[in-house]
PDB file of N, CA and C in Angstrom:
ATOM      1  N   MET A   1      -2.452 -11.333  24.106  1.00  0.00           N
ATOM      2  CA  MET A   1      -2.613 -10.427  23.010  1.00  0.00           C
ATOM      3  C   MET A   1      -4.052 -10.424  22.485  1.00  0.00           C
ATOM      4  N   ARG A   2      -4.742 -11.512  22.651  1.00  0.00           N
ATOM      5  CA  ARG A   2      -6.096 -11.599  22.090  1.00  0.00           C
ATOM      6  C   ARG A   2      -7.047 -10.577  22.698  1.00  0.00           C
ATOM      7  N   ASP A   3      -6.805 -10.191  23.933  1.00  0.00           N
ATOM      8  CA  ASP A   3      -7.715  -9.247  24.567  1.00  0.00           C
ATOM      9  C   ASP A   3      -7.349  -7.790  24.280  1.00  0.00           C
ATOM     10  N   ARG A   4      -6.299  -7.572  23.519  1.00  0.00           N
ATOM     11  CA  ARG A   4      -5.878  -6.219  23.170  1.00  0.00           C
ATOM     12  C   ARG A   4      -6.686  -5.702  21.988  1.00  0.00           C
ATOM     13  N   SER A   5      -6.949  -4.425  21.974  1.00  0.00           N
ATOM     14  CA  SER A   5      -7.692  -3.841  20.851  1.00  0.00           C
ATOM     15  C   SER A   5      -6.716  -3.355  19.782  1.00  0.00           C
ATOM     16  N   GLU A   6      -7.215  -3.253  18.565  1.00  0.00           N
ATOM     17  CA  GLU A   6      -6.366  -2.812  17.464  1.00  0.00           C
ATOM     18  C   GLU A   6      -6.080  -1.321  17.582  1.00  0.00           C
ATOM     19  N   TYR A   7      -4.981  -0.909  16.972  1.00  0.00           N
ATOM     20  CA  TYR A   7      -4.588   0.490  16.956  1.00  0.00           C
ATOM     21  C   TYR A   7      -5.323   1.181  15.817  1.00  0.00           C
ATOM     22  N   VAL A   8      -6.116   2.189  16.126  1.00  0.00           N
ATOM     23  CA  VAL A   8      -6.904   2.898  15.122  1.00  0.00           C
ATOM     24  C   VAL A   8      -6.515   4.369  15.145  1.00  0.00           C
ATOM     25  N   VAL A   9      -6.210   4.903  13.977  1.00  0.00           N
ATOM     26  CA  VAL A   9      -5.882   6.319  13.862  1.00  0.00           C
ATOM     27  C   VAL A   9      -7.089   7.029  13.265  1.00  0.00           C
ATOM     28  N   ASP A  10      -7.654   7.941  14.013  1.00  0.00           N
ATOM     29  CA  ASP A  10      -8.804   8.695  13.531  1.00  0.00           C
ATOM     30  C   ASP A  10      -8.353   9.816  12.599  1.00  0.00           C
ATOM     31  N   MET A  11      -9.239  10.207  11.699  1.00  0.00           N
ATOM     32  CA  MET A  11      -8.967  11.318  10.792  1.00  0.00           C
ATOM     33  C   MET A  11      -9.248  12.621  11.526  1.00  0.00           C
ATOM     34  N   PRO A  12      -8.219  13.469  11.700  1.00  0.00           N
ATOM     35  CA  PRO A  12      -8.451  14.749  12.369  1.00  0.00           C
ATOM     36  C   PRO A  12      -9.431  15.606  11.570  1.00  0.00           C
ATOM     37  N   SER A  13     -10.211  16.398  12.252  1.00  0.00           N
ATOM     38  CA  SER A  13     -11.169  17.252  11.550  1.00  0.00           C
ATOM     39  C   SER A  13     -10.422  18.346  10.788  1.00  0.00           C
ATOM     40  N   GLY A  14     -10.941  18.686   9.611  1.00  0.00           N
ATOM     41  CA  GLY A  14     -10.333  19.733   8.796  1.00  0.00           C
ATOM     42  C   GLY A  14      -9.177  19.257   7.937  1.00  0.00           C
ATOM     43  N   ILE A  15      -8.873  17.967   7.961  1.00  0.00           N
ATOM     44  CA  ILE A  15      -7.770  17.408   7.176  1.00  0.00           C
ATOM     45  C   ILE A  15      -8.355  16.555   6.063  1.00  0.00           C
ATOM     46  N   ASP A  16      -7.973  16.835   4.818  1.00  0.00           N
ATOM     47  CA  ASP A  16      -8.482  16.077   3.681  1.00  0.00           C
ATOM     48  C   ASP A  16      -7.542  14.946   3.266  1.00  0.00           C
ATOM     49  N   VAL A  17      -6.242  15.129   3.501  1.00  0.00           N
ATOM     50  CA  VAL A  17      -5.257  14.147   3.050  1.00  0.00           C
ATOM     51  C   VAL A  17      -4.309  13.837   4.194  1.00  0.00           C
ATOM     52  N   LYS A  18      -4.077  12.548   4.432  1.00  0.00           N
ATOM     53  CA  LYS A  18      -3.110  12.123   5.442  1.00  0.00           C
ATOM     54  C   LYS A  18      -1.919  11.503   4.722  1.00  0.00           C
ATOM     55  N   LEU A  19      -0.729  11.961   5.038  1.00  0.00           N
ATOM     56  CA  LEU A  19       0.466  11.466   4.370  1.00  0.00           C
ATOM     57  C   LEU A  19       1.279  10.519   5.242  1.00  0.00           C
ATOM     58  N   ASN A  20       0.813  10.223   6.430  1.00  0.00           N
ATOM     59  CA  ASN A  20       1.611   9.438   7.365  1.00  0.00           C
ATOM     60  C   ASN A  20       1.278   7.954   7.375  1.00  0.00           C
ATOM     61  N   GLN A  21       0.406   7.483   6.483  1.00  0.00           N
ATOM     62  CA  GLN A  21       0.028   6.078   6.519  1.00  0.00           C
ATOM     63  C   GLN A  21       0.385   5.336   5.237  1.00  0.00           C
ATOM     64  N   ASN A  22       1.060   6.009   4.301  1.00  0.00           N
ATOM     65  CA  ASN A  22       1.485   5.373   3.052  1.00  0.00           C
ATOM     66  C   ASN A  22       0.330   4.686   2.335  1.00  0.00           C
ATOM     67  N   GLU A  23      -0.821   5.273   2.373  1.00  0.00           N
ATOM     68  CA  GLU A  23      -1.996   4.730   1.706  1.00  0.00           C
ATOM     69  C   GLU A  23      -2.542   5.765   0.743  1.00  0.00           C
ATOM     70  N   SER A  24      -3.200   5.295  -0.276  1.00  0.00           N
ATOM     71  CA  SER A  24      -3.819   6.187  -1.241  1.00  0.00           C
ATOM     72  C   SER A  24      -5.228   5.693  -1.524  1.00  0.00           C
ATOM     73  N   PRO A  25      -6.167   6.601  -1.645  1.00  0.00           N
ATOM     74  CA  PRO A  25      -7.525   6.177  -1.988  1.00  0.00           C
ATOM     75  C   PRO A  25      -7.666   5.845  -3.472  1.00  0.00           C
ATOM     76  N   PHE A  26      -6.601   6.074  -4.242  1.00  0.00           N
ATOM     77  CA  PHE A  26      -6.648   5.881  -5.685  1.00  0.00           C
ATOM     78  C   PHE A  26      -5.880   4.633  -6.087  1.00  0.00           C
ATOM     79  N   ASP A  27      -6.417   3.893  -7.024  1.00  0.00           N
ATOM     80  CA  ASP A  27      -5.744   2.717  -7.554  1.00  0.00           C
ATOM     81  C   ASP A  27      -4.767   3.148  -8.644  1.00  0.00           C
ATOM     82  N   LEU A  28      -3.838   2.267  -8.990  1.00  0.00           N
ATOM     83  CA  LEU A  28      -2.920   2.549 -10.087  1.00  0.00           C
ATOM     84  C   LEU A  28      -3.636   2.365 -11.419  1.00  0.00           C
ATOM     85  N   PRO A  29      -3.214   3.094 -12.445  1.00  0.00           N
ATOM     86  CA  PRO A  29      -3.788   2.876 -13.772  1.00  0.00           C
ATOM     87  C   PRO A  29      -3.481   1.459 -14.262  1.00  0.00           C
ATOM     88  N   ASP A  30      -4.378   0.896 -15.037  1.00  0.00           N
ATOM     89  CA  ASP A  30      -4.197  -0.470 -15.539  1.00  0.00           C
ATOM     90  C   ASP A  30      -2.902  -0.634 -16.316  1.00  0.00           C
ATOM     91  N   GLU A  31      -2.501   0.381 -17.080  1.00  0.00           N
ATOM     92  CA  GLU A  31      -1.264   0.294 -17.856  1.00  0.00           C
ATOM     93  C   GLU A  31      -0.052   0.143 -16.936  1.00  0.00           C
ATOM     94  N   LEU A  32      -0.035   0.881 -15.843  1.00  0.00           N
ATOM     95  CA  LEU A  32       1.073   0.793 -14.896  1.00  0.00           C
ATOM     96  C   LEU A  32       1.062  -0.547 -14.180  1.00  0.00           C
ATOM     97  N   LYS A  33      -0.110  -1.037 -13.828  1.00  0.00           N
ATOM     98  CA  LYS A  33      -0.206  -2.358 -13.204  1.00  0.00           C
ATOM     99  C   LYS A  33       0.379  -3.426 -14.120  1.00  0.00           C
ATOM    100  N   GLN A  34       0.057  -3.351 -15.406  1.00  0.00           N
ATOM    101  CA  GLN A  34       0.565  -4.333 -16.354  1.00  0.00           C
ATOM    102  C   GLN A  34       2.079  -4.218 -16.494  1.00  0.00           C
ATOM    103  N   GLU A  35       2.590  -2.997 -16.526  1.00  0.00           N
ATOM    104  CA  GLU A  35       4.036  -2.796 -16.626  1.00  0.00           C
ATOM    105  C   GLU A  35       4.745  -3.370 -15.398  1.00  0.00           C
ATOM    106  N   LEU A  36       4.194  -3.137 -14.224  1.00  0.00           N
ATOM    107  CA  LEU A  36       4.777  -3.697 -13.004  1.00  0.00           C
ATOM    108  C   LEU A  36       4.725  -5.220 -13.015  1.00  0.00           C
ATOM    109  N   LEU A  37       3.632  -5.762 -13.496  1.00  0.00           N
ATOM    110  CA  LEU A  37       3.504  -7.207 -13.595  1.00  0.00           C
ATOM    111  C   LEU A  37       4.541  -7.781 -14.551  1.00  0.00           C
ATOM    112  N   ASP A  38       4.741  -7.128 -15.689  1.00  0.00           N
ATOM    113  CA  ASP A  38       5.732  -7.584 -16.665  1.00  0.00           C
ATOM    114  C   ASP A  38       7.133  -7.599 -16.061  1.00  0.00           C
ATOM    115  N   VAL A  39       7.462  -6.567 -15.301  1.00  0.00           N
ATOM    116  CA  VAL A  39       8.779  -6.499 -14.655  1.00  0.00           C
ATOM    117  C   VAL A  39       8.890  -7.577 -13.583  1.00  0.00           C
ATOM    118  N   TYR A  40       7.856  -7.718 -12.767  1.00  0.00           N
ATOM    119  CA  TYR A  40       7.891  -8.692 -11.678  1.00  0.00           C
ATOM    120  C   TYR A  40       8.023 -10.119 -12.201  1.00  0.00           C
ATOM    121  N   GLU A  41       7.431 -10.405 -13.341  1.00  0.00           N
ATOM    122  CA  GLU A  41       7.520 -11.755 -13.904  1.00  0.00           C
ATOM    123  C   GLU A  41       8.952 -12.122 -14.274  1.00  0.00           C
ATOM    124  N   GLN A  42       9.826 -11.139 -14.432  1.00  0.00           N
ATOM    125  CA  GLN A  42      11.224 -11.383 -14.782  1.00  0.00           C
ATOM    126  C   GLN A  42      12.116 -11.551 -13.542  1.00  0.00           C
ATOM    127  N   VAL A  43      11.578 -11.289 -12.379  1.00  0.00           N
ATOM    128  CA  VAL A  43      12.356 -11.345 -11.140  1.00  0.00           C
ATOM    129  C   VAL A  43      12.371 -12.766 -10.598  1.00  0.00           C
ATOM    130  N   GLU A  44      13.563 -13.226 -10.241  1.00  0.00           N
ATOM    131  CA  GLU A  44      13.687 -14.533  -9.592  1.00  0.00           C
ATOM    132  C   GLU A  44      13.436 -14.313  -8.097  1.00  0.00           C
ATOM    133  N   VAL A  45      12.205 -14.509  -7.683  1.00  0.00           N
ATOM    134  CA  VAL A  45      11.827 -14.178  -6.309  1.00  0.00           C
ATOM    135  C   VAL A  45      12.390 -15.149  -5.272  1.00  0.00           C
ATOM    136  N   ASN A  46      12.936 -16.236  -5.723  1.00  0.00           N
ATOM    137  CA  ASN A  46      13.545 -17.166  -4.776  1.00  0.00           C
ATOM    138  C   ASN A  46      15.014 -16.833  -4.533  1.00  0.00           C
ATOM    139  N   ARG A  47      15.476 -15.718  -5.068  1.00  0.00           N
ATOM    140  CA  ARG A  47      16.867 -15.293  -4.900  1.00  0.00           C
ATOM    141  C   ARG A  47      16.933 -14.018  -4.079  1.00  0.00           C
ATOM    142  N   TYR A  48      17.896 -13.974  -3.176  1.00  0.00           N
ATOM    143  CA  TYR A  48      18.124 -12.760  -2.400  1.00  0.00           C
ATOM    144  C   TYR A  48      18.887 -11.777  -3.282  1.00  0.00           C
ATOM    145  N   PRO A  49      18.431 -10.530  -3.373  1.00  0.00           N
ATOM    146  CA  PRO A  49      19.090  -9.571  -4.291  1.00  0.00           C
ATOM    147  C   PRO A  49      20.507  -9.230  -3.910  1.00  0.00           C
TER     148      PRO A  49
END
């Protein structure tokens, strides 16, 4: 596997937004990050849901 190259998807010309990679160039607002953190702190992550 070490000699294999990584899989790279090039951006097609004329395309501004790609929806197939589940990525966003924008970060979440700080307020939403804090809200998510508050919720996550209440989750027992050592338990299977």
